[in-house]
Amino acid sequence: MTRDQLIALAGWYKDSGNLSADPRKKIEVVDVLENVATAKLVADWGVDFMQLTKTNGEWQIVHIVWNSHPE
């Protein structure tokens, strides 16, 4: 999925009315080294695993893999 596709999907999800007034969200830092990290986000739409790198003192997401919640 490209960045533009992700933005379009997020907009569709927001406009769909499927978000609760108090959406579930939990972020867990899985591991952090000097300049790399892995995080897990559990939210209403599913679970995201993110890989991050620190460049010039700022953390940036490099990869995201996600899955809808199991039925």
PDB file of N, CA and C in Angstrom:
ATOM      1  N   MET A   1       0.845  -1.162   0.000  1.00  0.00           N
ATOM      2  CA  MET A   1       0.000   0.000   0.000  1.00  0.00           C
ATOM      3  C   MET A   1       0.898   1.236   0.000  1.00  0.00           C
ATOM      4  N   THR A   2       0.612   2.137  -0.862  1.00  0.00           N
ATOM      5  CA  THR A   2       1.395   3.369  -0.913  1.00  0.00           C
ATOM      6  C   THR A   2       0.922   4.332   0.183  1.00  0.00           C
ATOM      7  N   ARG A   3       1.697   5.365   0.391  1.00  0.00           N
ATOM      8  CA  ARG A   3       1.328   6.389   1.378  1.00  0.00           C
ATOM      9  C   ARG A   3      -0.015   7.014   1.010  1.00  0.00           C
ATOM     10  N   ASP A   4      -0.196   7.338  -0.266  1.00  0.00           N
ATOM     11  CA  ASP A   4      -1.458   7.951  -0.707  1.00  0.00           C
ATOM     12  C   ASP A   4      -2.639   7.006  -0.505  1.00  0.00           C
ATOM     13  N   GLN A   5      -2.428   5.715  -0.748  1.00  0.00           N
ATOM     14  CA  GLN A   5      -3.492   4.742  -0.521  1.00  0.00           C
ATOM     15  C   GLN A   5      -3.841   4.652   0.960  1.00  0.00           C
ATOM     16  N   LEU A   6      -2.828   4.707   1.811  1.00  0.00           N
ATOM     17  CA  LEU A   6      -3.058   4.667   3.254  1.00  0.00           C
ATOM     18  C   LEU A   6      -3.858   5.881   3.711  1.00  0.00           C
ATOM     19  N   ILE A   7      -3.512   7.054   3.209  1.00  0.00           N
ATOM     20  CA  ILE A   7      -4.230   8.282   3.571  1.00  0.00           C
ATOM     21  C   ILE A   7      -5.682   8.200   3.106  1.00  0.00           C
ATOM     22  N   ALA A   8      -5.898   7.680   1.890  1.00  0.00           N
ATOM     23  CA  ALA A   8      -7.267   7.526   1.384  1.00  0.00           C
ATOM     24  C   ALA A   8      -8.059   6.529   2.230  1.00  0.00           C
ATOM     25  N   LEU A   9      -7.429   5.433   2.611  1.00  0.00           N
ATOM     26  CA  LEU A   9      -8.098   4.432   3.436  1.00  0.00           C
ATOM     27  C   LEU A   9      -8.455   5.010   4.804  1.00  0.00           C
ATOM     28  N   ALA A  10      -7.535   5.750   5.403  1.00  0.00           N
ATOM     29  CA  ALA A  10      -7.803   6.369   6.708  1.00  0.00           C
ATOM     30  C   ALA A  10      -8.969   7.350   6.610  1.00  0.00           C
ATOM     31  N   GLY A  11      -9.007   8.117   5.537  1.00  0.00           N
ATOM     32  CA  GLY A  11     -10.112   9.057   5.327  1.00  0.00           C
ATOM     33  C   GLY A  11     -11.434   8.330   5.163  1.00  0.00           C
ATOM     34  N   TRP A  12     -11.437   7.241   4.397  1.00  0.00           N
ATOM     35  CA  TRP A  12     -12.652   6.448   4.211  1.00  0.00           C
ATOM     36  C   TRP A  12     -13.118   5.886   5.543  1.00  0.00           C
ATOM     37  N   TYR A  13     -12.174   5.344   6.323  1.00  0.00           N
ATOM     38  CA  TYR A  13     -12.534   4.748   7.605  1.00  0.00           C
ATOM     39  C   TYR A  13     -13.123   5.799   8.542  1.00  0.00           C
ATOM     40  N   LYS A  14     -12.514   6.970   8.559  1.00  0.00           N
ATOM     41  CA  LYS A  14     -13.011   8.059   9.413  1.00  0.00           C
ATOM     42  C   LYS A  14     -14.413   8.468   8.993  1.00  0.00           C
ATOM     43  N   ASP A  15     -14.653   8.589   7.688  1.00  0.00           N
ATOM     44  CA  ASP A  15     -15.947   9.027   7.178  1.00  0.00           C
ATOM     45  C   ASP A  15     -17.016   7.940   7.236  1.00  0.00           C
ATOM     46  N   SER A  16     -16.616   6.681   7.414  1.00  0.00           N
ATOM     47  CA  SER A  16     -17.571   5.570   7.393  1.00  0.00           C
ATOM     48  C   SER A  16     -18.455   5.508   8.634  1.00  0.00           C
ATOM     49  N   GLY A  17     -18.069   6.191   9.701  1.00  0.00           N
ATOM     50  CA  GLY A  17     -18.835   6.140  10.930  1.00  0.00           C
ATOM     51  C   GLY A  17     -18.525   4.907  11.768  1.00  0.00           C
ATOM     52  N   ASN A  18     -17.488   4.150  11.405  1.00  0.00           N
ATOM     53  CA  ASN A  18     -17.135   2.941  12.139  1.00  0.00           C
ATOM     54  C   ASN A  18     -16.271   3.202  13.371  1.00  0.00           C
ATOM     55  N   LEU A  19     -15.827   4.429  13.561  1.00  0.00           N
ATOM     56  CA  LEU A  19     -15.011   4.742  14.736  1.00  0.00           C
ATOM     57  C   LEU A  19     -15.919   5.010  15.929  1.00  0.00           C
ATOM     58  N   SER A  20     -15.584   4.406  17.047  1.00  0.00           N
ATOM     59  CA  SER A  20     -16.359   4.659  18.259  1.00  0.00           C
ATOM     60  C   SER A  20     -15.935   6.003  18.843  1.00  0.00           C
ATOM     61  N   ALA A  21     -16.740   6.502  19.778  1.00  0.00           N
ATOM     62  CA  ALA A  21     -16.423   7.784  20.414  1.00  0.00           C
ATOM     63  C   ALA A  21     -15.123   7.699  21.204  1.00  0.00           C
ATOM     64  N   ASP A  22     -14.816   6.513  21.713  1.00  0.00           N
ATOM     65  CA  ASP A  22     -13.586   6.291  22.468  1.00  0.00           C
ATOM     66  C   ASP A  22     -12.878   5.063  21.873  1.00  0.00           C
ATOM     67  N   PRO A  23     -12.214   5.248  20.728  1.00  0.00           N
ATOM     68  CA  PRO A  23     -11.625   4.093  20.050  1.00  0.00           C
ATOM     69  C   PRO A  23     -10.524   3.417  20.864  1.00  0.00           C
ATOM     70  N   ARG A  24     -10.463   2.100  20.711  1.00  0.00           N
ATOM     71  CA  ARG A  24      -9.425   1.314  21.383  1.00  0.00           C
ATOM     72  C   ARG A  24      -8.087   1.633  20.741  1.00  0.00           C
ATOM     73  N   LYS A  25      -7.095   1.860  21.579  1.00  0.00           N
ATOM     74  CA  LYS A  25      -5.743   2.059  21.069  1.00  0.00           C
ATOM     75  C   LYS A  25      -4.752   1.769  22.188  1.00  0.00           C
ATOM     76  N   LYS A  26      -3.790   0.937  21.876  1.00  0.00           N
ATOM     77  CA  LYS A  26      -2.748   0.591  22.846  1.00  0.00           C
ATOM     78  C   LYS A  26      -1.444   0.461  22.067  1.00  0.00           C
ATOM     79  N   ILE A  27      -0.423   1.180  22.512  1.00  0.00           N
ATOM     80  CA  ILE A  27       0.879   1.098  21.860  1.00  0.00           C
ATOM     81  C   ILE A  27       1.849   0.421  22.817  1.00  0.00           C
ATOM     82  N   GLU A  28       2.548  -0.565  22.293  1.00  0.00           N
ATOM     83  CA  GLU A  28       3.553  -1.287  23.070  1.00  0.00           C
ATOM     84  C   GLU A  28       4.897  -1.150  22.366  1.00  0.00           C
ATOM     85  N   VAL A  29       5.891  -0.690  23.083  1.00  0.00           N
ATOM     86  CA  VAL A  29       7.247  -0.661  22.537  1.00  0.00           C
ATOM     87  C   VAL A  29       7.805  -2.065  22.708  1.00  0.00           C
ATOM     88  N   VAL A  30       8.076  -2.731  21.595  1.00  0.00           N
ATOM     89  CA  VAL A  30       8.538  -4.116  21.638  1.00  0.00           C
ATOM     90  C   VAL A  30      10.030  -4.168  21.941  1.00  0.00           C
ATOM     91  N   ASP A  31      10.809  -3.336  21.266  1.00  0.00           N
ATOM     92  CA  ASP A  31      12.253  -3.318  21.492  1.00  0.00           C
ATOM     93  C   ASP A  31      12.827  -2.015  20.959  1.00  0.00           C
ATOM     94  N   VAL A  32      13.854  -1.507  21.623  1.00  0.00           N
ATOM     95  CA  VAL A  32      14.545  -0.296  21.189  1.00  0.00           C
ATOM     96  C   VAL A  32      16.040  -0.535  21.312  1.00  0.00           C
ATOM     97  N   LEU A  33      16.745  -0.265  20.249  1.00  0.00           N
ATOM     98  CA  LEU A  33      18.201  -0.229  20.284  1.00  0.00           C
ATOM     99  C   LEU A  33      18.607   1.214  20.031  1.00  0.00           C
ATOM    100  N   GLU A  34      19.859   1.429  19.751  1.00  0.00           N
ATOM    101  CA  GLU A  34      20.349   2.798  19.604  1.00  0.00           C
ATOM    102  C   GLU A  34      19.582   3.601  18.551  1.00  0.00           C
ATOM    103  N   ASN A  35      19.436   3.056  17.358  1.00  0.00           N
ATOM    104  CA  ASN A  35      18.821   3.791  16.252  1.00  0.00           C
ATOM    105  C   ASN A  35      17.701   3.039  15.554  1.00  0.00           C
ATOM    106  N   VAL A  36      17.243   1.928  16.134  1.00  0.00           N
ATOM    107  CA  VAL A  36      16.132   1.166  15.558  1.00  0.00           C
ATOM    108  C   VAL A  36      15.173   0.755  16.670  1.00  0.00           C
ATOM    109  N   ALA A  37      13.912   0.584  16.295  1.00  0.00           N
ATOM    110  CA  ALA A  37      12.906   0.176  17.283  1.00  0.00           C
ATOM    111  C   ALA A  37      11.779  -0.559  16.582  1.00  0.00           C
ATOM    112  N   THR A  38      11.037  -1.340  17.358  1.00  0.00           N
ATOM    113  CA  THR A  38       9.833  -2.011  16.887  1.00  0.00           C
ATOM    114  C   THR A  38       8.716  -1.697  17.865  1.00  0.00           C
ATOM    115  N   ALA A  39       7.536  -1.371  17.329  1.00  0.00           N
ATOM    116  CA  ALA A  39       6.379  -1.058  18.159  1.00  0.00           C
ATOM    117  C   ALA A  39       5.160  -1.814  17.645  1.00  0.00           C
ATOM    118  N   LYS A  40       4.205  -2.029  18.543  1.00  0.00           N
ATOM    119  CA  LYS A  40       2.949  -2.700  18.207  1.00  0.00           C
ATOM    120  C   LYS A  40       1.806  -1.785  18.610  1.00  0.00           C
ATOM    121  N   LEU A  41       0.888  -1.564  17.684  1.00  0.00           N
ATOM    122  CA  LEU A  41      -0.304  -0.759  17.935  1.00  0.00           C
ATOM    123  C   LEU A  41      -1.530  -1.650  17.797  1.00  0.00           C
ATOM    124  N   VAL A  42      -2.339  -1.714  18.849  1.00  0.00           N
ATOM    125  CA  VAL A  42      -3.617  -2.423  18.785  1.00  0.00           C
ATOM    126  C   VAL A  42      -4.699  -1.347  18.786  1.00  0.00           C
ATOM    127  N   ALA A  43      -5.522  -1.335  17.741  1.00  0.00           N
ATOM    128  CA  ALA A  43      -6.548  -0.310  17.586  1.00  0.00           C
ATOM    129  C   ALA A  43      -7.850  -0.959  17.123  1.00  0.00           C
ATOM    130  N   ASP A  44      -8.894  -0.153  16.971  1.00  0.00           N
ATOM    131  CA  ASP A  44     -10.189  -0.680  16.543  1.00  0.00           C
ATOM    132  C   ASP A  44     -10.110  -1.446  15.226  1.00  0.00           C
ATOM    133  N   TRP A  45      -9.297  -0.965  14.297  1.00  0.00           N
ATOM    134  CA  TRP A  45      -9.263  -1.567  12.961  1.00  0.00           C
ATOM    135  C   TRP A  45      -8.396  -2.822  12.888  1.00  0.00           C
ATOM    136  N   GLY A  46      -7.480  -3.008  13.832  1.00  0.00           N
ATOM    137  CA  GLY A  46      -6.620  -4.182  13.787  1.00  0.00           C
ATOM    138  C   GLY A  46      -5.332  -3.954  14.557  1.00  0.00           C
ATOM    139  N   VAL A  47      -4.290  -4.674  14.146  1.00  0.00           N
ATOM    140  CA  VAL A  47      -2.992  -4.632  14.821  1.00  0.00           C
ATOM    141  C   VAL A  47      -1.929  -4.226  13.806  1.00  0.00           C
ATOM    142  N   ASP A  48      -1.124  -3.234  14.160  1.00  0.00           N
ATOM    143  CA  ASP A  48      -0.010  -2.780  13.317  1.00  0.00           C
ATOM    144  C   ASP A  48       1.302  -3.093  14.028  1.00  0.00           C
ATOM    145  N   PHE A  49       2.265  -3.608  13.287  1.00  0.00           N
ATOM    146  CA  PHE A  49       3.639  -3.721  13.770  1.00  0.00           C
ATOM    147  C   PHE A  49       4.467  -2.735  12.961  1.00  0.00           C
ATOM    148  N   MET A  50       5.245  -1.903  13.644  1.00  0.00           N
ATOM    149  CA  MET A  50       6.009  -0.850  12.973  1.00  0.00           C
ATOM    150  C   MET A  50       7.489  -0.984  13.270  1.00  0.00           C
ATOM    151  N   GLN A  51       8.294  -0.768  12.251  1.00  0.00           N
ATOM    152  CA  GLN A  51       9.737  -0.672  12.423  1.00  0.00           C
ATOM    153  C   GLN A  51      10.107   0.787  12.244  1.00  0.00           C
ATOM    154  N   LEU A  52      10.929   1.288  13.157  1.00  0.00           N
ATOM    155  CA  LEU A  52      11.315   2.691  13.142  1.00  0.00           C
ATOM    156  C   LEU A  52      12.830   2.831  13.120  1.00  0.00           C
ATOM    157  N   THR A  53      13.305   3.932  12.571  1.00  0.00           N
ATOM    158  CA  THR A  53      14.722   4.273  12.637  1.00  0.00           C
ATOM    159  C   THR A  53      14.852   5.705  13.145  1.00  0.00           C
ATOM    160  N   LYS A  54      15.970   5.955  13.795  1.00  0.00           N
ATOM    161  CA  LYS A  54      16.265   7.303  14.273  1.00  0.00           C
ATOM    162  C   LYS A  54      17.286   7.910  13.331  1.00  0.00           C
ATOM    163  N   THR A  55      16.900   9.018  12.708  1.00  0.00           N
ATOM    164  CA  THR A  55      17.766   9.726  11.778  1.00  0.00           C
ATOM    165  C   THR A  55      17.834  11.187  12.202  1.00  0.00           C
ATOM    166  N   ASN A  56      19.034  11.691  12.383  1.00  0.00           N
ATOM    167  CA  ASN A  56      19.223  13.077  12.818  1.00  0.00           C
ATOM    168  C   ASN A  56      18.412  13.384  14.076  1.00  0.00           C
ATOM    169  N   GLY A  57      18.357  12.419  14.996  1.00  0.00           N
ATOM    170  CA  GLY A  57      17.683  12.621  16.265  1.00  0.00           C
ATOM    171  C   GLY A  57      16.176  12.466  16.237  1.00  0.00           C
ATOM    172  N   GLU A  58      15.575  12.129  15.086  1.00  0.00           N
ATOM    173  CA  GLU A  58      14.122  11.992  14.976  1.00  0.00           C
ATOM    174  C   GLU A  58      13.747  10.577  14.598  1.00  0.00           C
ATOM    175  N   TRP A  59      12.715  10.037  15.274  1.00  0.00           N
ATOM    176  CA  TRP A  59      12.215   8.712  14.940  1.00  0.00           C
ATOM    177  C   TRP A  59      11.273   8.805  13.745  1.00  0.00           C
ATOM    178  N   GLN A  60      11.449   7.872  12.795  1.00  0.00           N
ATOM    179  CA  GLN A  60      10.579   7.805  11.627  1.00  0.00           C
ATOM    180  C   GLN A  60      10.158   6.364  11.403  1.00  0.00           C
ATOM    181  N   ILE A  61       8.894   6.176  11.039  1.00  0.00           N
ATOM    182  CA  ILE A  61       8.408   4.844  10.705  1.00  0.00           C
ATOM    183  C   ILE A  61       8.932   4.469   9.331  1.00  0.00           C
ATOM    184  N   VAL A  62       9.520   3.281   9.238  1.00  0.00           N
ATOM    185  CA  VAL A  62      10.074   2.799   7.978  1.00  0.00           C
ATOM    186  C   VAL A  62       9.136   1.774   7.338  1.00  0.00           C
ATOM    187  N   HIS A  63       8.627   0.849   8.141  1.00  0.00           N
ATOM    188  CA  HIS A  63       7.730  -0.193   7.645  1.00  0.00           C
ATOM    189  C   HIS A  63       6.565  -0.371   8.602  1.00  0.00           C
ATOM    190  N   ILE A  64       5.410  -0.716   8.026  1.00  0.00           N
ATOM    191  CA  ILE A  64       4.249  -1.100   8.822  1.00  0.00           C
ATOM    192  C   ILE A  64       3.653  -2.347   8.191  1.00  0.00           C
ATOM    193  N   VAL A  65       3.420  -3.354   9.003  1.00  0.00           N
ATOM    194  CA  VAL A  65       2.622  -4.500   8.566  1.00  0.00           C
ATOM    195  C   VAL A  65       1.431  -4.569   9.510  1.00  0.00           C
ATOM    196  N   TRP A  66       0.268  -4.927   8.968  1.00  0.00           N
ATOM    197  CA  TRP A  66      -0.930  -4.899   9.779  1.00  0.00           C
ATOM    198  C   TRP A  66      -1.832  -6.054   9.428  1.00  0.00           C
ATOM    199  N   ASN A  67      -2.745  -6.312  10.336  1.00  0.00           N
ATOM    200  CA  ASN A  67      -3.740  -7.348  10.122  1.00  0.00           C
ATOM    201  C   ASN A  67      -5.015  -6.923  10.837  1.00  0.00           C
ATOM    202  N   SER A  68      -6.147  -7.225  10.241  1.00  0.00           N
ATOM    203  CA  SER A  68      -7.429  -7.006  10.926  1.00  0.00           C
ATOM    204  C   SER A  68      -7.482  -7.940  12.124  1.00  0.00           C
ATOM    205  N   HIS A  69      -8.354  -7.633  13.065  1.00  0.00           N
ATOM    206  CA  HIS A  69      -8.517  -8.503  14.216  1.00  0.00           C
ATOM    207  C   HIS A  69      -9.066  -9.851  13.757  1.00  0.00           C
ATOM    208  N   PRO A  70      -8.575 -10.953  14.334  1.00  0.00           N
ATOM    209  CA  PRO A  70      -9.133 -12.266  13.981  1.00  0.00           C
ATOM    210  C   PRO A  70     -10.614 -12.329  14.365  1.00  0.00           C
ATOM    211  N   GLU A  71     -11.372 -13.064  13.603  1.00  0.00           N
ATOM    212  CA  GLU A  71     -12.811 -13.187  13.894  1.00  0.00           C
ATOM    213  C   GLU A  71     -13.064 -14.076  15.072  1.00  0.00           C
TER     214      GLU A  71
END
